[in-house]
Amino acid sequence: MTAVSSNYDLYEDIGLTANTAQGGKKNNQLGLEDFMNLLVTELTHQDPFKPMENTEMATQISQFATVSGIDDLNASFNDLRSSLTSDQALQAANLVGRDVLVQSNIGYLADGETLQGSVSLPSSASHVRVMISDRSGALVRELELGVHEAGQVAFNWDGYDDAGDYAGDGQYQVTATAHVDDVEMAPAVLISAQVESVNLGGEGGIRLNLDGLGQVSMTDVVQIQ
């Protein structure tokens, strides 16, 4: 069979290089030098009547290169994931004190403030309405928004019911209806809330603590206001 060169030219041709004295390697890793020793040992103790074919040796080298490449790829993906997580954490931290829009049918009315949000229309619609109900489901206020094109239609509730009495602070149910081609539908409601703090740990990833609404995932944020 063809002799094995000692200058590693064959391995360099397929992208393998020997470990240098400067870089070194970890104890639990198999480098090119280790692989060479194993290969030479295998060649030394092979059956002289059934020597290893060149194709067999090339296959072993190729397999080693593949495994090494997969390890490098996994390490690169882990580095990328860590980088993305750090970027998301930084972005989330910058949201503290700002208002965001999240899809929710629960809104929070703080004392002396207003409950704000938007109705998300998939297409042009008429008779767009927002209904504010208390926690028992009793209707407190109905807001007529009229005719609008597709997109987000903002609404603002001052906390007063249809009789002109102040309903009080707390959580309220918020739903919407609209007519598209004379067919009534229930478009999504987006609620505006202030970010009080950020949780970076846990299986759910980065989570925002919203004033009066509790925790939501960073991915649930539709718009930063």
N, C-alpha and C. Protein backbone atom coordinates (compact mmCIF):
# COMPACT_ATOMS: atom_id res chain seq x y z
N MET A 1 0.85 -1.20 0.00
CA MET A 1 0.00 0.00 0.00
C MET A 1 0.87 1.24 0.00
N THR A 2 0.31 2.39 -0.30
CA THR A 2 1.06 3.64 -0.36
C THR A 2 1.58 4.02 1.01
N ALA A 3 2.83 4.44 1.08
CA ALA A 3 3.42 4.83 2.36
C ALA A 3 2.76 6.10 2.89
N VAL A 4 2.75 6.22 4.21
CA VAL A 4 2.17 7.40 4.84
C VAL A 4 3.25 8.43 5.03
N SER A 5 3.09 9.62 4.52
CA SER A 5 4.07 10.69 4.65
C SER A 5 4.10 11.20 6.08
N SER A 6 5.25 11.57 6.55
CA SER A 6 5.38 12.06 7.92
C SER A 6 5.18 13.56 8.03
N ASN A 7 4.97 14.27 6.93
CA ASN A 7 4.83 15.73 7.01
C ASN A 7 3.38 16.19 7.02
N TYR A 8 2.46 15.21 7.15
CA TYR A 8 1.04 15.53 7.32
C TYR A 8 0.42 16.22 6.10
N ASP A 9 1.06 16.11 4.93
CA ASP A 9 0.51 16.78 3.76
C ASP A 9 -0.89 16.29 3.44
N LEU A 10 -1.12 15.00 3.62
CA LEU A 10 -2.43 14.43 3.31
C LEU A 10 -3.50 15.04 4.19
N TYR A 11 -3.18 15.24 5.47
CA TYR A 11 -4.18 15.79 6.39
C TYR A 11 -4.42 17.27 6.16
N GLU A 12 -3.35 17.97 5.79
CA GLU A 12 -3.51 19.39 5.50
C GLU A 12 -4.38 19.61 4.28
N ASP A 13 -4.35 18.67 3.33
CA ASP A 13 -5.16 18.79 2.12
C ASP A 13 -6.65 18.75 2.43
N ILE A 14 -7.03 18.06 3.53
CA ILE A 14 -8.47 17.97 3.85
C ILE A 14 -8.83 18.87 5.03
N GLY A 15 -7.90 19.77 5.40
CA GLY A 15 -8.25 20.77 6.41
C GLY A 15 -7.85 20.43 7.82
N LEU A 16 -7.05 19.36 8.06
CA LEU A 16 -6.62 19.01 9.40
C LEU A 16 -5.21 19.53 9.62
N THR A 17 -4.96 20.09 10.79
CA THR A 17 -3.63 20.58 11.13
C THR A 17 -3.25 20.07 12.49
N ALA A 18 -1.98 19.88 12.71
CA ALA A 18 -1.50 19.37 14.00
C ALA A 18 -1.58 20.44 15.05
N ASN A 19 -1.74 20.04 16.31
CA ASN A 19 -1.75 20.98 17.42
C ASN A 19 -0.35 21.55 17.61
N THR A 20 -0.27 22.86 17.82
CA THR A 20 1.01 23.50 18.02
C THR A 20 1.33 23.57 19.49
N ALA A 21 2.58 23.83 19.78
CA ALA A 21 2.99 23.91 21.18
C ALA A 21 2.37 25.10 21.86
N GLN A 22 2.12 26.19 21.08
CA GLN A 22 1.56 27.38 21.69
C GLN A 22 0.11 27.17 22.09
N GLY A 23 -0.68 26.55 21.20
CA GLY A 23 -2.10 26.42 21.48
C GLY A 23 -2.40 25.30 22.44
N GLY A 24 -1.78 24.14 22.22
CA GLY A 24 -2.05 22.98 23.06
C GLY A 24 -3.45 22.46 22.82
N LYS A 25 -3.90 21.49 23.62
CA LYS A 25 -5.24 20.96 23.53
C LYS A 25 -5.70 20.51 24.90
N LYS A 26 -7.00 20.37 25.06
CA LYS A 26 -7.56 19.91 26.31
C LYS A 26 -7.33 18.41 26.45
N ASN A 27 -7.29 17.95 27.70
CA ASN A 27 -7.01 16.56 27.97
C ASN A 27 -8.08 15.62 27.42
N ASN A 28 -9.30 16.11 27.32
CA ASN A 28 -10.39 15.26 26.88
C ASN A 28 -10.67 15.38 25.39
N GLN A 29 -9.73 15.97 24.63
CA GLN A 29 -9.91 16.14 23.20
C GLN A 29 -8.90 15.30 22.44
N LEU A 30 -9.32 14.77 21.29
CA LEU A 30 -8.45 13.99 20.42
C LEU A 30 -7.97 14.87 19.29
N GLY A 31 -6.68 15.16 19.28
CA GLY A 31 -6.12 16.02 18.24
C GLY A 31 -5.56 15.21 17.09
N LEU A 32 -4.97 15.90 16.12
CA LEU A 32 -4.43 15.23 14.94
C LEU A 32 -3.26 14.32 15.32
N GLU A 33 -2.42 14.77 16.26
CA GLU A 33 -1.28 13.96 16.67
C GLU A 33 -1.74 12.64 17.30
N ASP A 34 -2.80 12.71 18.13
CA ASP A 34 -3.35 11.49 18.72
C ASP A 34 -3.91 10.58 17.64
N PHE A 35 -4.62 11.19 16.71
CA PHE A 35 -5.20 10.40 15.62
C PHE A 35 -4.11 9.74 14.79
N MET A 36 -3.00 10.46 14.55
CA MET A 36 -1.88 9.90 13.79
C MET A 36 -1.28 8.70 14.52
N ASN A 37 -1.13 8.83 15.84
CA ASN A 37 -0.57 7.71 16.62
C ASN A 37 -1.46 6.47 16.53
N LEU A 38 -2.77 6.70 16.63
CA LEU A 38 -3.70 5.58 16.52
C LEU A 38 -3.64 4.95 15.13
N LEU A 39 -3.55 5.78 14.12
CA LEU A 39 -3.52 5.28 12.75
C LEU A 39 -2.23 4.50 12.49
N VAL A 40 -1.09 5.04 12.97
CA VAL A 40 0.18 4.35 12.79
C VAL A 40 0.18 3.00 13.52
N THR A 41 -0.41 3.00 14.75
CA THR A 41 -0.51 1.75 15.50
C THR A 41 -1.35 0.73 14.75
N GLU A 42 -2.44 1.21 14.16
CA GLU A 42 -3.31 0.31 13.40
C GLU A 42 -2.58 -0.24 12.18
N LEU A 43 -1.80 0.62 11.51
CA LEU A 43 -1.05 0.16 10.35
C LEU A 43 0.05 -0.83 10.74
N THR A 44 0.68 -0.58 11.90
CA THR A 44 1.77 -1.44 12.36
C THR A 44 1.28 -2.84 12.68
N HIS A 45 0.10 -2.94 13.26
CA HIS A 45 -0.42 -4.23 13.71
C HIS A 45 -1.45 -4.84 12.75
N GLN A 46 -1.50 -4.32 11.55
CA GLN A 46 -2.47 -4.87 10.61
C GLN A 46 -2.00 -6.23 10.07
N ASP A 47 -2.93 -6.96 9.56
CA ASP A 47 -2.63 -8.26 8.96
C ASP A 47 -1.88 -8.01 7.65
N PRO A 48 -0.63 -8.50 7.52
CA PRO A 48 0.14 -8.25 6.29
C PRO A 48 -0.51 -8.86 5.05
N PHE A 49 -1.36 -9.89 5.25
CA PHE A 49 -2.04 -10.49 4.10
C PHE A 49 -3.33 -9.74 3.73
N LYS A 50 -3.76 -8.87 4.65
CA LYS A 50 -4.95 -8.06 4.38
C LYS A 50 -4.68 -6.61 4.77
N PRO A 51 -3.75 -5.96 4.08
CA PRO A 51 -3.39 -4.58 4.46
C PRO A 51 -4.55 -3.62 4.23
N MET A 52 -4.50 -2.55 4.97
CA MET A 52 -5.54 -1.52 4.82
C MET A 52 -5.46 -0.87 3.46
N GLU A 53 -6.61 -0.73 2.84
CA GLU A 53 -6.67 -0.06 1.55
C GLU A 53 -6.56 1.44 1.74
N ASN A 54 -6.08 2.11 0.68
CA ASN A 54 -5.99 3.57 0.73
C ASN A 54 -7.35 4.21 0.98
N THR A 55 -8.39 3.60 0.40
CA THR A 55 -9.74 4.16 0.57
C THR A 55 -10.19 4.06 2.02
N GLU A 56 -9.78 2.95 2.71
CA GLU A 56 -10.16 2.81 4.11
C GLU A 56 -9.51 3.89 4.96
N MET A 57 -8.23 4.14 4.71
CA MET A 57 -7.53 5.18 5.46
C MET A 57 -8.14 6.55 5.19
N ALA A 58 -8.45 6.82 3.93
CA ALA A 58 -9.07 8.11 3.58
C ALA A 58 -10.42 8.27 4.26
N THR A 59 -11.17 7.15 4.38
CA THR A 59 -12.48 7.18 5.04
C THR A 59 -12.33 7.53 6.52
N GLN A 60 -11.33 6.92 7.19
CA GLN A 60 -11.11 7.21 8.62
C GLN A 60 -10.73 8.67 8.81
N ILE A 61 -9.86 9.17 7.95
CA ILE A 61 -9.45 10.58 8.05
C ILE A 61 -10.66 11.50 7.84
N SER A 62 -11.50 11.16 6.86
CA SER A 62 -12.68 11.96 6.57
C SER A 62 -13.65 11.97 7.74
N GLN A 63 -13.82 10.79 8.38
CA GLN A 63 -14.71 10.71 9.53
C GLN A 63 -14.19 11.56 10.68
N PHE A 64 -12.89 11.53 10.90
CA PHE A 64 -12.31 12.35 11.97
C PHE A 64 -12.54 13.83 11.69
N ALA A 65 -12.34 14.21 10.43
CA ALA A 65 -12.53 15.62 10.06
C ALA A 65 -13.98 16.04 10.25
N THR A 66 -14.92 15.11 9.93
CA THR A 66 -16.35 15.42 10.07
C THR A 66 -16.72 15.65 11.53
N VAL A 67 -16.25 14.74 12.41
CA VAL A 67 -16.56 14.88 13.84
C VAL A 67 -15.97 16.17 14.39
N SER A 68 -14.73 16.47 14.00
CA SER A 68 -14.09 17.69 14.47
C SER A 68 -14.85 18.92 13.99
N GLY A 69 -15.33 18.86 12.74
CA GLY A 69 -16.08 19.99 12.19
C GLY A 69 -17.41 20.20 12.90
N ILE A 70 -18.09 19.10 13.26
CA ILE A 70 -19.37 19.20 13.97
C ILE A 70 -19.16 19.82 15.35
N ASP A 71 -18.08 19.43 16.04
CA ASP A 71 -17.79 20.01 17.35
C ASP A 71 -17.55 21.51 17.24
N ASP A 72 -16.80 21.92 16.21
CA ASP A 72 -16.54 23.34 16.01
C ASP A 72 -17.83 24.09 15.70
N LEU A 73 -18.72 23.46 14.91
CA LEU A 73 -19.99 24.09 14.55
C LEU A 73 -20.87 24.25 15.78
N ASN A 74 -20.92 23.22 16.63
CA ASN A 74 -21.71 23.32 17.86
C ASN A 74 -21.18 24.43 18.76
N ALA A 75 -19.87 24.53 18.85
CA ALA A 75 -19.27 25.59 19.68
C ALA A 75 -19.64 26.97 19.13
N SER A 76 -19.64 27.10 17.80
CA SER A 76 -20.00 28.38 17.18
C SER A 76 -21.46 28.73 17.45
N PHE A 77 -22.36 27.73 17.38
CA PHE A 77 -23.76 27.98 17.65
C PHE A 77 -23.98 28.38 19.11
N ASN A 78 -23.25 27.74 20.03
CA ASN A 78 -23.37 28.10 21.44
C ASN A 78 -22.91 29.53 21.68
N ASP A 79 -21.82 29.93 21.02
CA ASP A 79 -21.35 31.30 21.14
C ASP A 79 -22.37 32.28 20.59
N LEU A 80 -23.00 31.92 19.45
CA LEU A 80 -24.01 32.79 18.84
C LEU A 80 -25.22 32.92 19.74
N ARG A 81 -25.66 31.78 20.34
CA ARG A 81 -26.81 31.82 21.23
C ARG A 81 -26.54 32.69 22.45
N SER A 82 -25.35 32.59 23.01
CA SER A 82 -24.99 33.42 24.16
C SER A 82 -24.99 34.89 23.79
N SER A 83 -24.49 35.19 22.59
CA SER A 83 -24.45 36.57 22.14
C SER A 83 -25.85 37.14 21.95
N LEU A 84 -26.75 36.33 21.33
CA LEU A 84 -28.13 36.77 21.11
C LEU A 84 -28.85 36.99 22.43
N THR A 85 -28.63 36.09 23.40
CA THR A 85 -29.27 36.22 24.71
C THR A 85 -28.81 37.49 25.40
N SER A 86 -27.52 37.79 25.30
CA SER A 86 -26.99 39.00 25.92
C SER A 86 -27.59 40.25 25.28
N ASP A 87 -27.73 40.23 23.94
CA ASP A 87 -28.33 41.37 23.24
C ASP A 87 -29.79 41.56 23.66
N GLN A 88 -30.55 40.45 23.76
CA GLN A 88 -31.94 40.54 24.18
C GLN A 88 -32.06 41.07 25.60
N ALA A 89 -31.17 40.62 26.49
CA ALA A 89 -31.19 41.09 27.88
C ALA A 89 -30.93 42.58 27.94
N LEU A 90 -30.00 43.07 27.13
CA LEU A 90 -29.70 44.50 27.11
C LEU A 90 -30.89 45.29 26.59
N GLN A 91 -31.53 44.79 25.53
CA GLN A 91 -32.71 45.48 24.98
C GLN A 91 -33.85 45.50 26.01
N ALA A 92 -34.05 44.37 26.69
CA ALA A 92 -35.12 44.29 27.68
C ALA A 92 -34.87 45.25 28.84
N ALA A 93 -33.61 45.35 29.28
CA ALA A 93 -33.29 46.26 30.38
C ALA A 93 -33.56 47.70 30.00
N ASN A 94 -33.40 48.04 28.74
CA ASN A 94 -33.65 49.40 28.29
C ASN A 94 -35.15 49.73 28.23
N LEU A 95 -36.01 48.71 28.37
CA LEU A 95 -37.46 48.94 28.31
C LEU A 95 -38.04 49.38 29.66
N VAL A 96 -37.29 49.22 30.74
CA VAL A 96 -37.80 49.57 32.06
C VAL A 96 -38.19 51.05 32.09
N GLY A 97 -39.45 51.30 32.50
CA GLY A 97 -39.97 52.67 32.54
C GLY A 97 -40.68 53.10 31.28
N ARG A 98 -40.62 52.28 30.24
CA ARG A 98 -41.28 52.62 28.98
C ARG A 98 -42.58 51.84 28.85
N ASP A 99 -43.46 52.32 27.96
CA ASP A 99 -44.73 51.66 27.71
C ASP A 99 -44.59 50.74 26.50
N VAL A 100 -45.26 49.59 26.56
CA VAL A 100 -45.27 48.64 25.45
C VAL A 100 -46.71 48.22 25.17
N LEU A 101 -46.94 47.76 23.94
CA LEU A 101 -48.24 47.20 23.56
C LEU A 101 -48.14 45.69 23.52
N VAL A 102 -49.05 45.02 24.24
CA VAL A 102 -49.11 43.56 24.23
C VAL A 102 -50.54 43.13 23.97
N GLN A 103 -50.70 41.99 23.28
CA GLN A 103 -52.05 41.49 23.03
C GLN A 103 -52.63 40.93 24.32
N SER A 104 -53.75 41.50 24.74
CA SER A 104 -54.37 41.08 26.00
C SER A 104 -55.80 41.58 26.04
N ASN A 105 -56.66 40.83 26.72
CA ASN A 105 -58.04 41.26 26.95
C ASN A 105 -58.23 41.78 28.37
N ILE A 106 -57.11 42.00 29.07
CA ILE A 106 -57.14 42.58 30.41
C ILE A 106 -56.34 43.88 30.39
N GLY A 107 -56.96 44.94 30.87
CA GLY A 107 -56.28 46.22 30.97
C GLY A 107 -56.31 46.70 32.41
N TYR A 108 -55.35 47.56 32.75
CA TYR A 108 -55.27 48.06 34.12
C TYR A 108 -55.46 49.57 34.12
N LEU A 109 -56.43 50.03 34.94
CA LEU A 109 -56.69 51.45 35.10
C LEU A 109 -56.12 51.91 36.43
N ALA A 110 -55.08 52.75 36.38
CA ALA A 110 -54.49 53.29 37.60
C ALA A 110 -55.24 54.55 38.01
N ASP A 111 -55.25 54.84 39.30
CA ASP A 111 -55.97 56.01 39.83
C ASP A 111 -55.43 57.30 39.22
N GLY A 112 -56.34 58.07 38.63
CA GLY A 112 -55.96 59.34 38.03
C GLY A 112 -55.38 59.22 36.63
N GLU A 113 -55.32 58.02 36.08
CA GLU A 113 -54.77 57.84 34.74
C GLU A 113 -55.83 57.25 33.80
N THR A 114 -55.43 56.92 32.59
CA THR A 114 -56.36 56.36 31.61
C THR A 114 -55.90 54.97 31.19
N LEU A 115 -56.84 54.18 30.69
CA LEU A 115 -56.53 52.86 30.14
C LEU A 115 -56.40 53.03 28.63
N GLN A 116 -55.23 52.73 28.10
CA GLN A 116 -54.97 52.94 26.68
C GLN A 116 -54.65 51.64 25.97
N GLY A 117 -54.93 51.63 24.69
CA GLY A 117 -54.64 50.46 23.89
C GLY A 117 -54.98 50.68 22.43
N SER A 118 -55.01 49.60 21.67
CA SER A 118 -55.33 49.67 20.24
C SER A 118 -56.13 48.44 19.84
N VAL A 119 -56.94 48.63 18.79
CA VAL A 119 -57.64 47.52 18.16
C VAL A 119 -56.91 47.21 16.86
N SER A 120 -56.54 45.95 16.66
CA SER A 120 -55.78 45.56 15.48
C SER A 120 -56.74 45.06 14.40
N LEU A 121 -56.93 45.87 13.36
CA LEU A 121 -57.85 45.52 12.27
C LEU A 121 -57.10 44.85 11.12
N PRO A 122 -57.51 43.65 10.72
CA PRO A 122 -56.85 42.97 9.59
C PRO A 122 -57.20 43.58 8.24
N SER A 123 -58.30 44.32 8.18
CA SER A 123 -58.72 44.98 6.94
C SER A 123 -59.63 46.15 7.30
N SER A 124 -60.04 46.90 6.29
CA SER A 124 -60.94 48.04 6.54
C SER A 124 -62.22 47.55 7.20
N ALA A 125 -62.68 48.30 8.20
CA ALA A 125 -63.86 47.87 8.97
C ALA A 125 -64.69 49.07 9.39
N SER A 126 -65.96 48.79 9.63
CA SER A 126 -66.87 49.82 10.13
C SER A 126 -67.43 49.37 11.49
N HIS A 127 -68.10 50.31 12.17
CA HIS A 127 -68.72 50.01 13.47
C HIS A 127 -67.69 49.39 14.45
N VAL A 128 -66.50 49.97 14.47
CA VAL A 128 -65.47 49.48 15.39
C VAL A 128 -65.82 49.96 16.80
N ARG A 129 -65.92 49.02 17.71
CA ARG A 129 -66.30 49.33 19.09
C ARG A 129 -65.39 48.62 20.08
N VAL A 130 -65.19 49.27 21.23
CA VAL A 130 -64.42 48.68 22.32
C VAL A 130 -65.33 48.63 23.54
N MET A 131 -65.42 47.45 24.15
CA MET A 131 -66.25 47.27 25.34
C MET A 131 -65.37 47.07 26.57
N ILE A 132 -65.64 47.88 27.59
CA ILE A 132 -64.93 47.78 28.86
C ILE A 132 -65.87 47.15 29.88
N SER A 133 -65.46 46.04 30.47
CA SER A 133 -66.29 45.33 31.45
C SER A 133 -65.51 45.15 32.74
N ASP A 134 -66.25 45.06 33.85
CA ASP A 134 -65.57 44.81 35.12
C ASP A 134 -65.22 43.33 35.22
N ARG A 135 -64.62 42.93 36.33
CA ARG A 135 -64.12 41.57 36.46
C ARG A 135 -65.25 40.53 36.52
N SER A 136 -66.46 40.99 36.84
CA SER A 136 -67.60 40.07 36.85
C SER A 136 -68.22 39.92 35.46
N GLY A 137 -67.76 40.74 34.50
CA GLY A 137 -68.28 40.68 33.14
C GLY A 137 -69.35 41.70 32.82
N ALA A 138 -69.72 42.54 33.81
CA ALA A 138 -70.74 43.57 33.59
C ALA A 138 -70.16 44.71 32.76
N LEU A 139 -70.88 45.13 31.72
CA LEU A 139 -70.41 46.21 30.85
C LEU A 139 -70.36 47.53 31.60
N VAL A 140 -69.22 48.19 31.52
CA VAL A 140 -69.02 49.48 32.20
C VAL A 140 -69.07 50.63 31.21
N ARG A 141 -68.39 50.46 30.07
CA ARG A 141 -68.34 51.54 29.08
C ARG A 141 -68.16 50.96 27.69
N GLU A 142 -68.83 51.58 26.72
CA GLU A 142 -68.68 51.18 25.33
C GLU A 142 -68.16 52.38 24.54
N LEU A 143 -67.04 52.17 23.83
CA LEU A 143 -66.41 53.24 23.07
C LEU A 143 -66.66 53.01 21.58
N GLU A 144 -67.28 53.98 20.92
CA GLU A 144 -67.53 53.90 19.47
C GLU A 144 -66.35 54.53 18.74
N LEU A 145 -65.69 53.72 17.89
CA LEU A 145 -64.53 54.21 17.15
C LEU A 145 -64.81 54.47 15.67
N GLY A 146 -65.97 54.04 15.18
CA GLY A 146 -66.37 54.36 13.81
C GLY A 146 -65.73 53.48 12.75
N VAL A 147 -65.39 54.11 11.59
CA VAL A 147 -64.85 53.41 10.42
C VAL A 147 -63.35 53.66 10.34
N HIS A 148 -62.60 52.58 10.07
CA HIS A 148 -61.14 52.71 9.99
C HIS A 148 -60.56 51.77 8.94
N GLU A 149 -59.41 52.17 8.43
CA GLU A 149 -58.66 51.31 7.52
C GLU A 149 -57.94 50.22 8.32
N ALA A 150 -57.34 49.27 7.61
CA ALA A 150 -56.60 48.20 8.27
C ALA A 150 -55.44 48.78 9.07
N GLY A 151 -55.15 48.14 10.19
CA GLY A 151 -54.06 48.61 11.05
C GLY A 151 -54.51 48.76 12.49
N GLN A 152 -53.73 49.47 13.26
CA GLN A 152 -54.03 49.67 14.67
C GLN A 152 -54.85 50.95 14.88
N VAL A 153 -55.95 50.80 15.62
CA VAL A 153 -56.82 51.94 15.93
C VAL A 153 -56.73 52.18 17.44
N ALA A 154 -56.19 53.32 17.82
CA ALA A 154 -55.98 53.61 19.23
C ALA A 154 -57.29 53.95 19.94
N PHE A 155 -57.36 53.59 21.22
CA PHE A 155 -58.49 53.99 22.07
C PHE A 155 -57.96 54.42 23.43
N ASN A 156 -58.79 55.18 24.12
CA ASN A 156 -58.38 55.73 25.41
C ASN A 156 -59.61 55.81 26.30
N TRP A 157 -59.58 55.16 27.46
CA TRP A 157 -60.71 55.20 28.40
C TRP A 157 -60.31 55.95 29.66
N ASP A 158 -61.12 56.95 30.01
CA ASP A 158 -60.80 57.80 31.15
C ASP A 158 -61.23 57.24 32.50
N GLY A 159 -61.89 56.08 32.50
CA GLY A 159 -62.29 55.46 33.76
C GLY A 159 -63.73 55.73 34.16
N TYR A 160 -64.47 56.49 33.36
CA TYR A 160 -65.86 56.80 33.69
C TYR A 160 -66.80 55.87 32.91
N ASP A 161 -67.90 55.46 33.57
CA ASP A 161 -68.87 54.58 32.92
C ASP A 161 -69.83 55.39 32.08
N ASP A 162 -70.81 54.69 31.46
CA ASP A 162 -71.75 55.36 30.57
C ASP A 162 -72.63 56.37 31.30
N ALA A 163 -72.78 56.21 32.62
CA ALA A 163 -73.60 57.14 33.41
C ALA A 163 -72.80 58.35 33.88
N GLY A 164 -71.50 58.36 33.59
CA GLY A 164 -70.67 59.49 34.00
C GLY A 164 -70.03 59.32 35.36
N ASP A 165 -70.14 58.16 35.96
CA ASP A 165 -69.55 57.90 37.28
C ASP A 165 -68.18 57.24 37.12
N TYR A 166 -67.26 57.58 38.02
CA TYR A 166 -65.92 57.00 37.95
C TYR A 166 -65.98 55.55 38.42
N ALA A 167 -65.45 54.64 37.59
CA ALA A 167 -65.55 53.21 37.87
C ALA A 167 -64.52 52.72 38.88
N GLY A 168 -63.47 53.47 39.10
CA GLY A 168 -62.44 53.07 40.06
C GLY A 168 -61.27 52.36 39.40
N ASP A 169 -60.14 52.40 40.06
CA ASP A 169 -58.95 51.78 39.49
C ASP A 169 -59.02 50.25 39.63
N GLY A 170 -58.17 49.57 38.86
CA GLY A 170 -58.13 48.11 38.90
C GLY A 170 -58.11 47.52 37.50
N GLN A 171 -58.25 46.20 37.44
CA GLN A 171 -58.24 45.50 36.16
C GLN A 171 -59.64 45.45 35.54
N TYR A 172 -59.68 45.56 34.21
CA TYR A 172 -60.94 45.50 33.47
C TYR A 172 -60.75 44.61 32.24
N GLN A 173 -61.86 43.98 31.84
CA GLN A 173 -61.86 43.19 30.62
C GLN A 173 -62.08 44.12 29.43
N VAL A 174 -61.30 43.93 28.39
CA VAL A 174 -61.38 44.78 27.21
C VAL A 174 -61.56 43.89 25.98
N THR A 175 -62.66 44.08 25.27
CA THR A 175 -62.94 43.34 24.04
C THR A 175 -63.32 44.32 22.94
N ALA A 176 -63.33 43.84 21.71
CA ALA A 176 -63.66 44.71 20.58
C ALA A 176 -64.47 43.95 19.54
N THR A 177 -65.27 44.69 18.78
CA THR A 177 -65.99 44.13 17.64
C THR A 177 -65.87 45.09 16.47
N ALA A 178 -66.03 44.58 15.27
CA ALA A 178 -66.00 45.40 14.07
C ALA A 178 -66.74 44.68 12.98
N HIS A 179 -67.19 45.43 11.96
CA HIS A 179 -67.89 44.83 10.83
C HIS A 179 -67.00 44.92 9.58
N VAL A 180 -66.72 43.75 8.99
CA VAL A 180 -65.97 43.69 7.74
C VAL A 180 -66.89 43.06 6.71
N ASP A 181 -67.24 43.83 5.67
CA ASP A 181 -68.18 43.38 4.64
C ASP A 181 -69.48 42.93 5.29
N ASP A 182 -69.97 43.73 6.23
CA ASP A 182 -71.24 43.51 6.93
C ASP A 182 -71.24 42.26 7.80
N VAL A 183 -70.07 41.70 8.05
CA VAL A 183 -69.95 40.54 8.94
C VAL A 183 -69.21 40.98 10.20
N GLU A 184 -69.83 40.70 11.36
CA GLU A 184 -69.20 41.10 12.62
C GLU A 184 -68.04 40.17 12.97
N MET A 185 -66.97 40.75 13.44
CA MET A 185 -65.79 39.99 13.85
C MET A 185 -65.27 40.55 15.16
N ALA A 186 -64.35 39.81 15.77
CA ALA A 186 -63.76 40.24 17.03
C ALA A 186 -62.25 40.43 16.82
N PRO A 187 -61.82 41.64 16.49
CA PRO A 187 -60.38 41.88 16.27
C PRO A 187 -59.59 41.79 17.57
N ALA A 188 -58.29 41.59 17.44
CA ALA A 188 -57.41 41.49 18.61
C ALA A 188 -57.29 42.85 19.28
N VAL A 189 -57.17 42.80 20.60
CA VAL A 189 -57.01 44.01 21.41
C VAL A 189 -55.58 44.06 21.94
N LEU A 190 -54.95 45.21 21.79
CA LEU A 190 -53.61 45.43 22.31
C LEU A 190 -53.69 46.43 23.46
N ILE A 191 -53.09 46.08 24.58
CA ILE A 191 -53.15 46.92 25.77
C ILE A 191 -51.78 47.57 26.01
N SER A 192 -51.82 48.85 26.37
CA SER A 192 -50.59 49.58 26.69
C SER A 192 -50.31 49.47 28.18
N ALA A 193 -49.08 49.15 28.53
CA ALA A 193 -48.69 49.03 29.94
C ALA A 193 -47.23 49.41 30.09
N GLN A 194 -46.89 49.86 31.29
CA GLN A 194 -45.51 50.28 31.55
C GLN A 194 -44.68 49.10 32.08
N VAL A 195 -43.44 49.01 31.61
CA VAL A 195 -42.52 47.97 32.06
C VAL A 195 -41.92 48.40 33.40
N GLU A 196 -42.17 47.60 34.45
CA GLU A 196 -41.65 47.93 35.77
C GLU A 196 -40.27 47.30 36.01
N SER A 197 -40.08 46.08 35.54
CA SER A 197 -38.81 45.39 35.73
C SER A 197 -38.69 44.26 34.72
N VAL A 198 -37.52 43.61 34.72
CA VAL A 198 -37.23 42.55 33.75
C VAL A 198 -36.68 41.33 34.49
N ASN A 199 -37.19 40.14 34.13
CA ASN A 199 -36.65 38.88 34.64
C ASN A 199 -35.84 38.22 33.54
N LEU A 200 -34.56 37.94 33.81
CA LEU A 200 -33.69 37.38 32.79
C LEU A 200 -33.57 35.87 32.86
N GLY A 201 -33.93 35.25 33.99
CA GLY A 201 -33.76 33.81 34.15
C GLY A 201 -35.03 33.05 33.87
N GLY A 202 -34.98 31.72 34.12
CA GLY A 202 -36.16 30.89 33.96
C GLY A 202 -36.24 30.25 32.58
N GLU A 203 -37.07 29.20 32.51
CA GLU A 203 -37.23 28.47 31.25
C GLU A 203 -37.95 29.28 30.19
N GLY A 204 -38.77 30.26 30.62
CA GLY A 204 -39.52 31.06 29.66
C GLY A 204 -38.72 32.14 28.99
N GLY A 205 -37.41 32.23 29.28
CA GLY A 205 -36.59 33.26 28.69
C GLY A 205 -36.81 34.60 29.37
N ILE A 206 -36.54 35.66 28.64
CA ILE A 206 -36.66 37.00 29.18
C ILE A 206 -38.13 37.36 29.31
N ARG A 207 -38.54 37.83 30.51
CA ARG A 207 -39.93 38.19 30.78
C ARG A 207 -39.98 39.60 31.36
N LEU A 208 -41.04 40.32 30.95
CA LEU A 208 -41.24 41.69 31.41
C LEU A 208 -42.34 41.72 32.46
N ASN A 209 -42.12 42.48 33.52
CA ASN A 209 -43.15 42.70 34.54
C ASN A 209 -43.86 44.01 34.22
N LEU A 210 -45.14 43.90 33.83
CA LEU A 210 -45.92 45.07 33.42
C LEU A 210 -46.80 45.57 34.56
N ASP A 211 -46.90 46.87 34.67
CA ASP A 211 -47.70 47.50 35.72
C ASP A 211 -49.16 47.08 35.61
N GLY A 212 -49.66 46.39 36.63
CA GLY A 212 -51.05 45.99 36.69
C GLY A 212 -51.40 44.74 35.92
N LEU A 213 -50.49 44.24 35.09
CA LEU A 213 -50.77 43.06 34.24
C LEU A 213 -49.93 41.85 34.60
N GLY A 214 -48.83 42.03 35.28
CA GLY A 214 -47.97 40.91 35.62
C GLY A 214 -46.95 40.63 34.54
N GLN A 215 -46.49 39.38 34.48
CA GLN A 215 -45.41 39.01 33.57
C GLN A 215 -45.91 38.63 32.18
N VAL A 216 -45.13 39.05 31.19
CA VAL A 216 -45.35 38.62 29.81
C VAL A 216 -43.99 38.31 29.21
N SER A 217 -43.98 37.48 28.18
CA SER A 217 -42.73 37.16 27.51
C SER A 217 -42.28 38.35 26.66
N MET A 218 -40.98 38.47 26.51
CA MET A 218 -40.41 39.52 25.67
C MET A 218 -40.95 39.41 24.24
N THR A 219 -41.21 38.17 23.80
CA THR A 219 -41.69 37.95 22.43
C THR A 219 -43.15 38.37 22.25
N ASP A 220 -43.88 38.63 23.36
CA ASP A 220 -45.28 39.04 23.26
C ASP A 220 -45.43 40.54 22.99
N VAL A 221 -44.35 41.27 23.06
CA VAL A 221 -44.42 42.72 22.84
C VAL A 221 -44.65 42.99 21.35
N VAL A 222 -45.74 43.70 21.06
CA VAL A 222 -46.08 44.04 19.68
C VAL A 222 -45.44 45.34 19.25
N GLN A 223 -45.38 46.29 20.20
CA GLN A 223 -44.83 47.61 19.86
C GLN A 223 -44.27 48.27 21.12
N ILE A 224 -43.16 48.96 20.95
CA ILE A 224 -42.57 49.75 22.04
C ILE A 224 -42.98 51.19 21.82
N GLN A 225 -43.57 51.80 22.81
CA GLN A 225 -44.09 53.16 22.63
C GLN A 225 -43.12 54.21 23.16
